[in-house]
Amino acid sequence: MLICPNCKYEYINGITICPDCREYIVDSASHIQPKELVEKDWLIIYTSNREYELQMFKDNLTSAGIDTIIFSQRDRNFPTPGDMSVISLLVKKEQAEEAANFINEVLRS
């Protein structure tokens, strides 16, 4: 079975990238499950209603070795005009200062 490692949706053969998460599809048999996420270990460091902006920050922070999660409550099954939900970028508490400095630097420039 092919799945997205981020959202865990199942896909048929031929699909290589999840259209929602933009993650590469993997075989569930070879996918190693991450250890359980504990809410108290993470901090929200940035919120927006623009998913592309958070994805940009996530990609850059991840490439710098900072663990990140995008949390969205947007329901893609109910199309509506405009942005109706806030999307949050979370990082591990011990990496929050470094991540916040990066985001502030980008926003200043």
Protein backbone atom coordinates (compact mmCIF):
# COMPACT_ATOMS: atom_id res chain seq x y z
CA MET A 1 0.00 0.00 0.00
CA LEU A 2 1.30 3.47 -0.91
CA ILE A 3 0.83 6.27 1.62
CA CYS A 4 1.84 9.85 2.27
CA PRO A 5 4.24 9.81 5.24
CA ASN A 6 2.77 13.11 6.47
CA CYS A 7 -1.03 12.83 6.24
CA LYS A 8 -1.20 9.00 5.94
CA TYR A 9 -3.63 9.08 2.97
CA GLU A 10 -3.50 5.97 0.77
CA TYR A 11 -2.69 6.26 -2.94
CA ILE A 12 -2.77 4.03 -6.00
CA ASN A 13 0.29 3.09 -8.07
CA GLY A 14 1.51 5.91 -10.26
CA ILE A 15 1.02 8.72 -7.75
CA THR A 16 4.40 9.97 -6.54
CA ILE A 17 3.63 13.17 -4.60
CA CYS A 18 0.77 13.88 -2.17
CA PRO A 19 -1.27 16.77 -3.62
CA ASP A 20 -2.07 18.11 -0.13
CA CYS A 21 1.26 17.82 1.70
CA ARG A 22 3.69 17.88 -1.24
CA GLU A 23 5.49 14.89 0.33
CA TYR A 24 6.77 11.94 -1.71
CA ILE A 25 4.54 8.85 -1.50
CA VAL A 26 6.18 5.84 0.21
CA ASP A 27 5.41 2.16 0.59
CA SER A 28 3.77 1.69 3.99
CA ALA A 29 5.67 -1.56 4.54
CA SER A 30 9.00 0.27 4.33
CA HIS A 31 7.83 3.42 6.11
CA ILE A 32 9.20 3.65 9.62
CA GLN A 33 6.66 5.16 11.96
CA PRO A 34 8.00 8.19 13.85
CA LYS A 35 7.91 8.10 17.60
CA GLU A 36 4.77 9.51 19.13
CA LEU A 37 4.48 13.29 19.12
CA VAL A 38 3.93 14.83 22.53
CA GLU A 39 2.14 18.19 22.49
CA LYS A 40 4.14 19.67 25.36
CA ASP A 41 7.39 19.25 23.37
CA TRP A 42 6.28 21.67 20.62
CA LEU A 43 5.69 25.43 20.42
CA ILE A 44 3.74 27.46 17.87
CA ILE A 45 6.20 30.00 16.52
CA TYR A 46 4.30 31.38 13.53
CA THR A 47 0.72 31.49 12.27
CA SER A 48 -0.73 32.55 8.95
CA ASN A 49 -3.64 31.87 6.65
CA ARG A 50 -1.24 31.37 3.71
CA GLU A 51 -0.15 27.76 3.50
CA TYR A 52 2.60 28.48 0.97
CA GLU A 53 4.27 30.87 3.43
CA LEU A 54 4.34 28.27 6.20
CA GLN A 55 5.57 25.60 3.79
CA MET A 56 8.44 27.90 2.78
CA PHE A 57 9.43 28.41 6.42
CA LYS A 58 9.06 24.69 7.13
CA ASP A 59 11.30 23.70 4.20
CA ASN A 60 14.01 26.19 5.16
CA LEU A 61 13.93 25.29 8.86
CA THR A 62 14.00 21.57 8.07
CA SER A 63 17.03 22.05 5.82
CA ALA A 64 18.72 23.79 8.79
CA GLY A 65 18.07 20.72 10.97
CA ILE A 66 15.11 22.17 12.89
CA ASP A 67 12.16 19.82 13.40
CA THR A 68 8.90 21.40 12.22
CA ILE A 69 5.23 20.56 11.89
CA ILE A 70 2.51 22.43 10.02
CA PHE A 71 -0.85 22.21 11.76
CA SER A 72 -3.89 23.11 9.68
CA GLN A 73 -7.57 22.73 10.37
CA ARG A 74 -8.50 23.68 6.83
CA ASP A 75 -11.03 21.27 5.35
CA ARG A 76 -10.08 20.69 1.73
CA ASN A 77 -13.27 18.69 1.18
CA PHE A 78 -15.43 21.78 1.55
CA PRO A 79 -14.28 24.35 -1.00
CA THR A 80 -15.03 27.93 -0.05
CA PRO A 81 -13.66 31.21 -1.29
CA GLY A 82 -11.00 32.86 0.86
CA ASP A 83 -9.01 31.55 3.78
CA MET A 84 -11.15 30.52 6.72
CA SER A 85 -8.61 28.94 9.02
CA VAL A 86 -5.34 29.78 10.69
CA ILE A 87 -2.41 27.50 9.97
CA SER A 88 0.33 27.12 12.58
CA LEU A 89 4.02 26.29 12.34
CA LEU A 90 5.32 24.35 15.34
CA VAL A 91 8.91 23.58 16.32
CA LYS A 92 10.47 21.63 19.15
CA LYS A 93 10.83 23.77 22.28
CA GLU A 94 14.60 23.41 22.39
CA GLN A 95 14.86 24.74 18.81
CA ALA A 96 12.29 27.55 19.15
CA GLU A 97 14.77 30.41 19.63
CA GLU A 98 16.82 29.46 16.58
CA ALA A 99 13.66 29.05 14.47
CA ALA A 100 12.20 32.36 15.66
CA ASN A 101 15.45 34.16 14.82
CA PHE A 102 15.37 32.72 11.30
CA ILE A 103 11.74 33.72 10.73
CA ASN A 104 12.30 37.23 12.11
CA GLU A 105 15.31 37.68 9.84
CA VAL A 106 13.28 36.65 6.78
CA LEU A 107 10.40 38.96 7.74
CA ARG A 108 12.79 41.92 8.23
CA SER A 109 14.34 41.52 4.79
